[in-house]
Amino acid sequence: MKVDTLNVNYLIDGKISVIPTNMFYEQLDEEEFQNIRFEVQVNNHQIQSKLSSSIEYAVKYLQKELPDNISIACCQSCRHGNFNPFGDLENEIFCLKDKTFLNRDDVVEIFSKQDKSFGRRSRKLLDFCKSYKPISENEKYTYNDWGLEELS
């Protein structure tokens, strides 16, 4: 089992805080991981996600374990972070902050015409930037199921 300590951004009562967060995992090859889980110390409480075979779900499981006043602030939970509808690499999301979509078809169209900018748009799920805004389906369509899916 490997462990990486990541500086993850959290919104705690509306304010951004960076908290070291451990990612435990087994690496099968350069691009493939398994038995992924996150662990973080918040307010003297050790919080741990359940095991997952993908980083995307391990992050979601961590969010599920956090208190209601704390949310993970990252590209995966940002309204500008869109998954590729044709598939993406493990731990990959795309920042499309300069694009406006009405629906999934708009996202499919932009990804089907990938230009050279897509290399610069690729991000890791837990990346963070000053343009971060939480996903809000009422304000901007995002091809991303953060917060929409019931996790068991």
Protein backbone atom coordinates (compact mmCIF):
# COMPACT_ATOMS: atom_id res chain seq x y z
CA MET A 1 0.00 0.00 0.00
CA LYS A 2 1.34 3.43 -0.97
CA VAL A 3 0.53 6.74 0.71
CA ASP A 4 0.65 10.23 -0.80
CA THR A 5 0.00 13.33 1.28
CA LEU A 6 -1.94 15.88 -0.76
CA ASN A 7 -2.70 19.48 0.15
CA VAL A 8 -6.45 19.48 -0.41
CA ASN A 9 -8.65 22.59 -0.33
CA TYR A 10 -11.77 22.45 1.81
CA LEU A 11 -14.60 24.94 2.20
CA ILE A 12 -15.22 25.10 5.96
CA ASP A 13 -18.13 27.33 6.91
CA GLY A 14 -17.66 29.14 3.58
CA LYS A 15 -13.89 29.76 3.94
CA ILE A 16 -11.14 27.96 2.02
CA SER A 17 -8.64 25.99 4.13
CA VAL A 18 -5.84 23.73 2.93
CA ILE A 19 -5.56 20.52 4.94
CA PRO A 20 -3.03 17.72 4.34
CA THR A 21 -4.99 14.67 3.24
CA ASN A 22 -3.56 11.18 2.86
CA MET A 23 -4.39 9.07 -0.17
CA PHE A 24 -3.78 5.36 0.39
CA TYR A 25 -3.71 3.14 -2.68
CA GLU A 26 -2.24 0.18 -4.50
CA GLN A 27 -0.75 0.95 -7.89
CA LEU A 28 -1.02 -1.80 -10.49
CA ASP A 29 0.74 0.13 -13.25
CA GLU A 30 1.40 3.74 -14.25
CA GLU A 31 -2.28 4.54 -14.91
CA GLU A 32 -4.16 1.96 -12.80
CA PHE A 33 -4.95 2.15 -9.10
CA GLN A 34 -7.03 0.06 -6.73
CA ASN A 35 -8.08 0.05 -3.07
CA ILE A 36 -8.02 3.84 -2.94
CA ARG A 37 -9.11 5.69 0.18
CA PHE A 38 -8.58 9.13 1.68
CA GLU A 39 -7.96 10.10 5.28
CA VAL A 40 -7.98 13.58 6.80
CA GLN A 41 -7.83 15.08 10.28
CA VAL A 42 -10.50 17.78 10.76
CA ASN A 43 -11.33 19.39 14.11
CA ASN A 44 -9.58 16.60 16.03
CA HIS A 45 -11.57 13.94 14.15
CA GLN A 46 -9.96 11.41 11.85
CA ILE A 47 -12.19 11.04 8.78
CA GLN A 48 -11.73 8.20 6.32
CA SER A 49 -13.42 7.38 3.04
CA LYS A 50 -14.43 3.87 2.15
CA LEU A 51 -12.33 1.93 -0.36
CA SER A 52 -12.85 2.51 -4.06
CA SER A 53 -11.35 1.32 -7.31
CA SER A 54 -11.34 4.88 -8.70
CA ILE A 55 -10.03 8.20 -7.43
CA GLU A 56 -13.28 9.88 -8.56
CA TYR A 57 -15.37 7.73 -6.21
CA ALA A 58 -12.83 7.81 -3.39
CA VAL A 59 -13.13 11.63 -3.40
CA LYS A 60 -16.94 11.37 -3.41
CA TYR A 61 -16.82 8.87 -0.52
CA LEU A 62 -14.60 11.25 1.45
CA GLN A 63 -17.08 14.09 0.87
CA LYS A 64 -19.89 11.85 2.11
CA GLU A 65 -18.02 11.32 5.41
CA LEU A 66 -17.32 15.02 6.03
CA PRO A 67 -19.56 17.10 8.32
CA ASP A 68 -22.24 19.17 6.56
CA ASN A 69 -20.31 22.44 7.01
CA ILE A 70 -17.24 21.09 5.16
CA SER A 71 -16.94 20.39 1.45
CA ILE A 72 -14.01 19.51 -0.76
CA ALA A 73 -13.10 22.45 -3.02
CA CYS A 74 -11.49 21.00 -6.14
CA CYS A 75 -11.88 20.66 -9.88
CA GLN A 76 -14.15 17.65 -9.37
CA SER A 77 -16.60 19.75 -7.32
CA CYS A 78 -16.24 22.91 -9.44
CA ARG A 79 -18.84 24.13 -11.94
CA HIS A 80 -16.03 24.54 -14.52
CA GLY A 81 -14.86 20.91 -14.14
CA ASN A 82 -16.32 18.69 -16.86
CA PHE A 83 -15.69 15.04 -17.55
CA ASN A 84 -15.11 13.92 -21.12
CA PRO A 85 -18.33 12.23 -22.31
CA PHE A 86 -16.20 9.94 -24.50
CA GLY A 87 -14.17 8.81 -21.49
CA ASP A 88 -11.17 10.20 -19.67
CA LEU A 89 -8.12 8.98 -17.87
CA GLU A 90 -8.14 8.09 -14.19
CA ASN A 91 -7.91 11.28 -12.12
CA GLU A 92 -8.68 13.56 -15.09
CA ILE A 93 -11.21 16.33 -15.54
CA PHE A 94 -11.28 19.33 -17.89
CA CYS A 95 -11.53 23.00 -16.94
CA LEU A 96 -13.98 24.68 -19.30
CA LYS A 97 -14.47 27.94 -17.41
CA ASP A 98 -14.58 29.95 -20.64
CA LYS A 99 -17.38 27.81 -22.14
CA THR A 100 -21.12 27.86 -21.52
CA PHE A 101 -23.18 24.73 -22.05
CA LEU A 102 -26.94 24.29 -22.08
CA ASN A 103 -26.90 20.50 -21.98
CA ARG A 104 -24.94 17.29 -22.54
CA ASP A 105 -25.13 17.70 -26.33
CA ASP A 106 -23.15 20.95 -26.11
CA VAL A 107 -20.45 19.16 -24.10
CA VAL A 108 -20.34 16.25 -26.57
CA GLU A 109 -19.90 18.73 -29.42
CA ILE A 110 -16.96 20.55 -27.82
CA PHE A 111 -15.20 17.29 -26.92
CA SER A 112 -15.77 15.84 -30.40
CA LYS A 113 -13.89 18.86 -31.83
CA GLN A 114 -11.01 18.82 -29.35
CA ASP A 115 -8.49 21.46 -30.24
CA LYS A 116 -4.95 22.02 -28.98
CA SER A 117 -6.28 23.76 -25.86
CA PHE A 118 -7.49 20.47 -24.38
CA GLY A 119 -3.99 19.58 -23.22
CA ARG A 120 -3.96 22.79 -21.17
CA ARG A 121 -7.50 22.17 -19.90
CA SER A 122 -6.74 18.78 -18.37
CA ARG A 123 -6.63 18.80 -14.55
CA LYS A 124 -6.38 16.32 -11.71
CA LEU A 125 -9.61 15.87 -9.74
CA LEU A 126 -8.27 17.46 -6.54
CA ASP A 127 -6.60 20.43 -8.26
CA PHE A 128 -7.80 23.89 -7.23
CA CYS A 129 -7.56 27.42 -8.65
CA LYS A 130 -8.82 30.91 -7.85
CA SER A 131 -11.69 30.48 -10.35
CA TYR A 132 -13.25 27.75 -8.18
CA LYS A 133 -17.02 27.92 -7.84
CA PRO A 134 -19.11 25.07 -6.44
CA ILE A 135 -21.30 23.23 -8.93
CA SER A 136 -24.71 24.82 -9.23
CA GLU A 137 -26.97 23.15 -11.79
CA ASN A 138 -29.28 26.20 -11.63
CA GLU A 139 -26.51 28.58 -12.76
CA LYS A 140 -24.35 26.64 -15.22
CA TYR A 141 -24.63 23.21 -16.83
CA THR A 142 -21.68 21.00 -15.90
CA TYR A 143 -21.06 17.52 -17.30
CA ASN A 144 -20.23 16.15 -13.88
CA ASP A 145 -22.35 14.16 -11.42
CA TRP A 146 -20.83 15.62 -8.21
CA GLY A 147 -23.51 15.67 -5.57
CA LEU A 148 -26.19 14.19 -7.83
CA GLU A 149 -25.49 10.54 -7.21
CA GLU A 150 -26.60 8.54 -4.17
CA LEU A 151 -23.58 6.75 -2.77
CA SER A 152 -23.95 3.62 -0.69
